[in-house]
PDB file of N, CA and C in Angstrom:
ATOM      1  N   UNK A   1       8.111  27.215  43.711  1.00  0.00           N
ATOM      2  CA  UNK A   1       7.328  26.803  42.561  1.00  0.00           C
ATOM      3  C   UNK A   1       7.907  27.385  41.269  1.00  0.00           C
ATOM      4  N   UNK A   2       8.422  28.588  41.341  1.00  0.00           N
ATOM      5  CA  UNK A   2       9.008  29.205  40.147  1.00  0.00           C
ATOM      6  C   UNK A   2      10.246  28.449  39.693  1.00  0.00           C
ATOM      7  N   UNK A   3      11.037  27.959  40.651  1.00  0.00           N
ATOM      8  CA  UNK A   3      12.233  27.194  40.298  1.00  0.00           C
ATOM      9  C   UNK A   3      11.842  25.906  39.576  1.00  0.00           C
ATOM     10  N   UNK A   4      10.780  25.271  40.076  1.00  0.00           N
ATOM     11  CA  UNK A   4      10.313  24.037  39.442  1.00  0.00           C
ATOM     12  C   UNK A   4       9.866  24.303  38.008  1.00  0.00           C
ATOM     13  N   UNK A   5       9.099  25.344  37.793  1.00  0.00           N
ATOM     14  CA  UNK A   5       8.610  25.673  36.454  1.00  0.00           C
ATOM     15  C   UNK A   5       9.768  26.025  35.529  1.00  0.00           C
ATOM     16  N   UNK A   6      10.729  26.782  36.013  1.00  0.00           N
ATOM     17  CA  UNK A   6      11.884  27.163  35.191  1.00  0.00           C
ATOM     18  C   UNK A   6      12.688  25.929  34.813  1.00  0.00           C
ATOM     19  N   UNK A   7      12.896  25.038  35.774  1.00  0.00           N
ATOM     20  CA  UNK A   7      13.643  23.817  35.513  1.00  0.00           C
ATOM     21  C   UNK A   7      12.873  22.914  34.537  1.00  0.00           C
ATOM     22  N   UNK A   8      11.554  22.884  34.678  1.00  0.00           N
ATOM     23  CA  UNK A   8      10.720  22.067  33.798  1.00  0.00           C
ATOM     24  C   UNK A   8      10.808  22.550  32.352  1.00  0.00           C
ATOM     25  N   UNK A   9      10.766  23.846  32.132  1.00  0.00           N
ATOM     26  CA  UNK A   9      10.796  24.382  30.772  1.00  0.00           C
ATOM     27  C   UNK A   9      12.183  24.316  30.143  1.00  0.00           C
ATOM     28  N   UNK A  10      13.226  24.250  30.971  1.00  0.00           N
ATOM     29  CA  UNK A  10      14.590  24.139  30.439  1.00  0.00           C
ATOM     30  C   UNK A  10      14.975  22.697  30.136  1.00  0.00           C
ATOM     31  N   UNK A  11      14.281  21.740  30.728  1.00  0.00           N
ATOM     32  CA  UNK A  11      14.602  20.321  30.538  1.00  0.00           C
ATOM     33  C   UNK A  11      14.236  19.896  29.123  1.00  0.00           C
ATOM     34  N   UNK A  12      15.217  19.390  28.367  1.00  0.00           N
ATOM     35  CA  UNK A  12      14.987  18.986  26.991  1.00  0.00           C
ATOM     36  C   UNK A  12      15.171  17.482  26.788  1.00  0.00           C
ATOM     37  N   UNK A  13      15.239  16.714  27.850  1.00  0.00           N
ATOM     38  CA  UNK A  13      15.465  15.273  27.693  1.00  0.00           C
ATOM     39  C   UNK A  13      14.284  14.592  27.017  1.00  0.00           C
ATOM     40  N   UNK A  14      13.089  15.042  27.273  1.00  0.00           N
ATOM     41  CA  UNK A  14      11.921  14.475  26.608  1.00  0.00           C
ATOM     42  C   UNK A  14      11.924  14.785  25.120  1.00  0.00           C
ATOM     43  N   UNK A  15      12.377  15.972  24.765  1.00  0.00           N
ATOM     44  CA  UNK A  15      12.441  16.356  23.353  1.00  0.00           C
ATOM     45  C   UNK A  15      13.414  15.450  22.602  1.00  0.00           C
ATOM     46  N   UNK A  16      14.495  15.090  23.240  1.00  0.00           N
ATOM     47  CA  UNK A  16      15.473  14.200  22.603  1.00  0.00           C
ATOM     48  C   UNK A  16      14.849  12.832  22.341  1.00  0.00           C
ATOM     49  N   UNK A  17      14.100  12.324  23.296  1.00  0.00           N
ATOM     50  CA  UNK A  17      13.447  11.029  23.123  1.00  0.00           C
ATOM     51  C   UNK A  17      12.431  11.087  21.986  1.00  0.00           C
ATOM     52  N   UNK A  18      11.708  12.173  21.896  1.00  0.00           N
ATOM     53  CA  UNK A  18      10.734  12.332  20.821  1.00  0.00           C
ATOM     54  C   UNK A  18      11.437  12.387  19.472  1.00  0.00           C
ATOM     55  N   UNK A  19      12.559  13.097  19.404  1.00  0.00           N
ATOM     56  CA  UNK A  19      13.316  13.171  18.152  1.00  0.00           C
ATOM     57  C   UNK A  19      13.802  11.787  17.720  1.00  0.00           C
ATOM     58  N   UNK A  20      14.309  11.006  18.659  1.00  0.00           N
ATOM     59  CA  UNK A  20      14.748   9.646  18.326  1.00  0.00           C
ATOM     60  C   UNK A  20      13.572   8.800  17.853  1.00  0.00           C
ATOM     61  N   UNK A  21      12.430   8.980  18.471  1.00  0.00           N
ATOM     62  CA  UNK A  21      11.236   8.254  18.045  1.00  0.00           C
ATOM     63  C   UNK A  21      10.820   8.620  16.633  1.00  0.00           C
ATOM     64  N   UNK A  22      10.888   9.904  16.298  1.00  0.00           N
ATOM     65  CA  UNK A  22      10.540  10.339  14.944  1.00  0.00           C
ATOM     66  C   UNK A  22      11.528   9.802  13.914  1.00  0.00           C
ATOM     67  N   UNK A  23      12.799   9.790  14.264  1.00  0.00           N
ATOM     68  CA  UNK A  23      13.807   9.239  13.356  1.00  0.00           C
ATOM     69  C   UNK A  23      13.560   7.748  13.132  1.00  0.00           C
ATOM     70  N   UNK A  24      13.261   7.018  14.197  1.00  0.00           N
ATOM     71  CA  UNK A  24      12.981   5.584  14.070  1.00  0.00           C
ATOM     72  C   UNK A  24      11.746   5.343  13.211  1.00  0.00           C
ATOM     73  N   UNK A  25      10.723   6.166  13.375  1.00  0.00           N
ATOM     74  CA  UNK A  25       9.511   6.023  12.565  1.00  0.00           C
ATOM     75  C   UNK A  25       9.810   6.295  11.093  1.00  0.00           C
ATOM     76  N   UNK A  26      10.621   7.309  10.812  1.00  0.00           N
ATOM     77  CA  UNK A  26      10.982   7.622   9.433  1.00  0.00           C
ATOM     78  C   UNK A  26      11.771   6.481   8.798  1.00  0.00           C
ATOM     79  N   UNK A  27      12.696   5.911   9.546  1.00  0.00           N
ATOM     80  CA  UNK A  27      13.470   4.774   9.037  1.00  0.00           C
ATOM     81  C   UNK A  27      12.545   3.585   8.765  1.00  0.00           C
ATOM     82  N   UNK A  28      11.583   3.349   9.644  1.00  0.00           N
ATOM     83  CA  UNK A  28      10.637   2.246   9.449  1.00  0.00           C
ATOM     84  C   UNK A  28       9.814   2.452   8.187  1.00  0.00           C
ATOM     85  N   UNK A  29       9.374   3.686   7.931  1.00  0.00           N
ATOM     86  CA  UNK A  29       8.589   3.971   6.722  1.00  0.00           C
ATOM     87  C   UNK A  29       9.425   3.721   5.473  1.00  0.00           C
ATOM     88  N   UNK A  30      10.687   4.125   5.499  1.00  0.00           N
ATOM     89  CA  UNK A  30      11.570   3.909   4.351  1.00  0.00           C
ATOM     90  C   UNK A  30      11.784   2.414   4.120  1.00  0.00           C
ATOM     91  N   UNK A  31      12.013   1.664   5.183  1.00  0.00           N
ATOM     92  CA  UNK A  31      12.225   0.218   5.054  1.00  0.00           C
ATOM     93  C   UNK A  31      10.968  -0.460   4.506  1.00  0.00           C
ATOM     94  N   UNK A  32       9.811  -0.080   5.009  1.00  0.00           N
ATOM     95  CA  UNK A  32       8.559  -0.684   4.535  1.00  0.00           C
ATOM     96  C   UNK A  32       8.356  -0.380   3.053  1.00  0.00           C
ATOM     97  N   UNK A  33       8.634   0.847   2.660  1.00  0.00           N
ATOM     98  CA  UNK A  33       8.508   1.199   1.244  1.00  0.00           C
ATOM     99  C   UNK A  33       9.457   0.418   0.366  1.00  0.00           C
ATOM    100  N   UNK A  34      10.699   0.246   0.815  1.00  0.00           N
ATOM    101  CA  UNK A  34      11.685  -0.498   0.033  1.00  0.00           C
ATOM    102  C   UNK A  34      11.305  -1.969  -0.080  1.00  0.00           C
ATOM    103  N   UNK A  35      10.879  -2.578   1.007  1.00  0.00           N
ATOM    104  CA  UNK A  35      10.502  -3.990   0.988  1.00  0.00           C
ATOM    105  C   UNK A  35       9.269  -4.200   0.112  1.00  0.00           C
ATOM    106  N   UNK A  36       8.321  -3.294   0.177  1.00  0.00           N
ATOM    107  CA  UNK A  36       7.127  -3.399  -0.663  1.00  0.00           C
ATOM    108  C   UNK A  36       7.496  -3.313  -2.137  1.00  0.00           C
ATOM    109  N   UNK A  37       8.370  -2.382  -2.464  1.00  0.00           N
ATOM    110  CA  UNK A  37       8.796  -2.219  -3.853  1.00  0.00           C
ATOM    111  C   UNK A  37       9.567  -3.442  -4.343  1.00  0.00           C
ATOM    112  N   UNK A  38      10.487  -3.927  -3.535  1.00  0.00           N
ATOM    113  CA  UNK A  38      11.254  -5.110  -3.926  1.00  0.00           C
ATOM    114  C   UNK A  38      10.367  -6.341  -4.047  1.00  0.00           C
ATOM    115  N   UNK A  39       9.405  -6.466  -3.159  1.00  0.00           N
ATOM    116  CA  UNK A  39       8.486  -7.602  -3.217  1.00  0.00           C
ATOM    117  C   UNK A  39       7.654  -7.581  -4.479  1.00  0.00           C
ATOM    118  N   UNK A  40       7.213  -6.396  -4.861  1.00  0.00           N
ATOM    119  CA  UNK A  40       6.425  -6.258  -6.092  1.00  0.00           C
ATOM    120  C   UNK A  40       7.276  -6.600  -7.315  1.00  0.00           C
ATOM    121  N   UNK A  41       8.506  -6.112  -7.328  1.00  0.00           N
ATOM    122  CA  UNK A  41       9.403  -6.422  -8.450  1.00  0.00           C
ATOM    123  C   UNK A  41       9.716  -7.911  -8.518  1.00  0.00           C
ATOM    124  N   UNK A  42       9.946  -8.530  -7.379  1.00  0.00           N
ATOM    125  CA  UNK A  42      10.249  -9.963  -7.343  1.00  0.00           C
ATOM    126  C   UNK A  42       9.047 -10.765  -7.823  1.00  0.00           C
ATOM    127  N   UNK A  43       7.862 -10.360  -7.430  1.00  0.00           N
ATOM    128  CA  UNK A  43       6.656 -11.057  -7.853  1.00  0.00           C
ATOM    129  C   UNK A  43       6.489 -10.978  -9.369  1.00  0.00           C
ATOM    130  N   UNK A  44       6.777  -9.818  -9.927  1.00  0.00           N
ATOM    131  CA  UNK A  44       6.691  -9.649 -11.377  1.00  0.00           C
ATOM    132  C   UNK A  44       7.696 -10.555 -12.087  1.00  0.00           C
ATOM    133  N   UNK A  45       8.912 -10.616 -11.581  1.00  0.00           N
ATOM    134  CA  UNK A  45       9.940 -11.468 -12.197  1.00  0.00           C
ATOM    135  C   UNK A  45       9.556 -12.943 -12.119  1.00  0.00           C
ATOM    136  N   UNK A  46       9.057 -13.374 -10.965  1.00  0.00           N
ATOM    137  CA  UNK A  46       8.625 -14.773 -10.826  1.00  0.00           C
ATOM    138  C   UNK A  46       7.502 -15.090 -11.805  1.00  0.00           C
ATOM    139  N   UNK A  47       6.588 -14.166 -11.997  1.00  0.00           N
ATOM    140  CA  UNK A  47       5.492 -14.380 -12.924  1.00  0.00           C
ATOM    141  C   UNK A  47       6.014 -14.474 -14.361  1.00  0.00           C
ATOM    142  N   UNK A  48       7.004 -13.640 -14.711  1.00  0.00           N
ATOM    143  CA  UNK A  48       7.599 -13.693 -16.043  1.00  0.00           C
ATOM    144  C   UNK A  48       8.279 -15.047 -16.275  1.00  0.00           C
ATOM    145  N   UNK A  49       8.982 -15.529 -15.277  1.00  0.00           N
ATOM    146  CA  UNK A  49       9.650 -16.830 -15.398  1.00  0.00           C
ATOM    147  C   UNK A  49       8.599 -17.941 -15.527  1.00  0.00           C
ATOM    148  N   UNK A  50       7.542 -17.871 -14.751  1.00  0.00           N
ATOM    149  CA  UNK A  50       6.490 -18.895 -14.820  1.00  0.00           C
ATOM    150  C   UNK A  50       5.817 -18.879 -16.185  1.00  0.00           C
ATOM    151  N   UNK A  51       5.574 -17.691 -16.730  1.00  0.00           N
ATOM    152  CA  UNK A  51       4.950 -17.584 -18.054  1.00  0.00           C
ATOM    153  C   UNK A  51       5.899 -18.122 -19.139  1.00  0.00           C
ATOM    154  N   UNK A  52       7.199 -17.887 -18.991  1.00  0.00           N
ATOM    155  CA  UNK A  52       8.163 -18.362 -19.987  1.00  0.00           C
ATOM    156  C   UNK A  52       8.285 -19.878 -19.961  1.00  0.00           C
ATOM    157  N   UNK A  53       8.015 -20.497 -18.834  1.00  0.00           N
ATOM    158  CA  UNK A  53       8.132 -21.940 -18.715  1.00  0.00           C
ATOM    159  C   UNK A  53       6.924 -22.670 -19.287  1.00  0.00           C
ATOM    160  N   UNK A  54       5.831 -21.969 -19.550  1.00  0.00           N
ATOM    161  CA  UNK A  54       4.614 -22.636 -20.039  1.00  0.00           C
ATOM    162  C   UNK A  54       4.751 -23.047 -21.464  1.00  0.00           C
TER     163      UNK A  54
END
């Protein structure tokens, strides 16, 4: 039983998977923020063009 516990605490493969998951989540947050910002800017530009055409 002691060997199992020692091997369990030394195993870091789960930690690696968690780290990759956190990195993927961070990248997703950055992408969502960028797309939201670009969408807002594009909407403003389209509105300016529509107002200029009136």
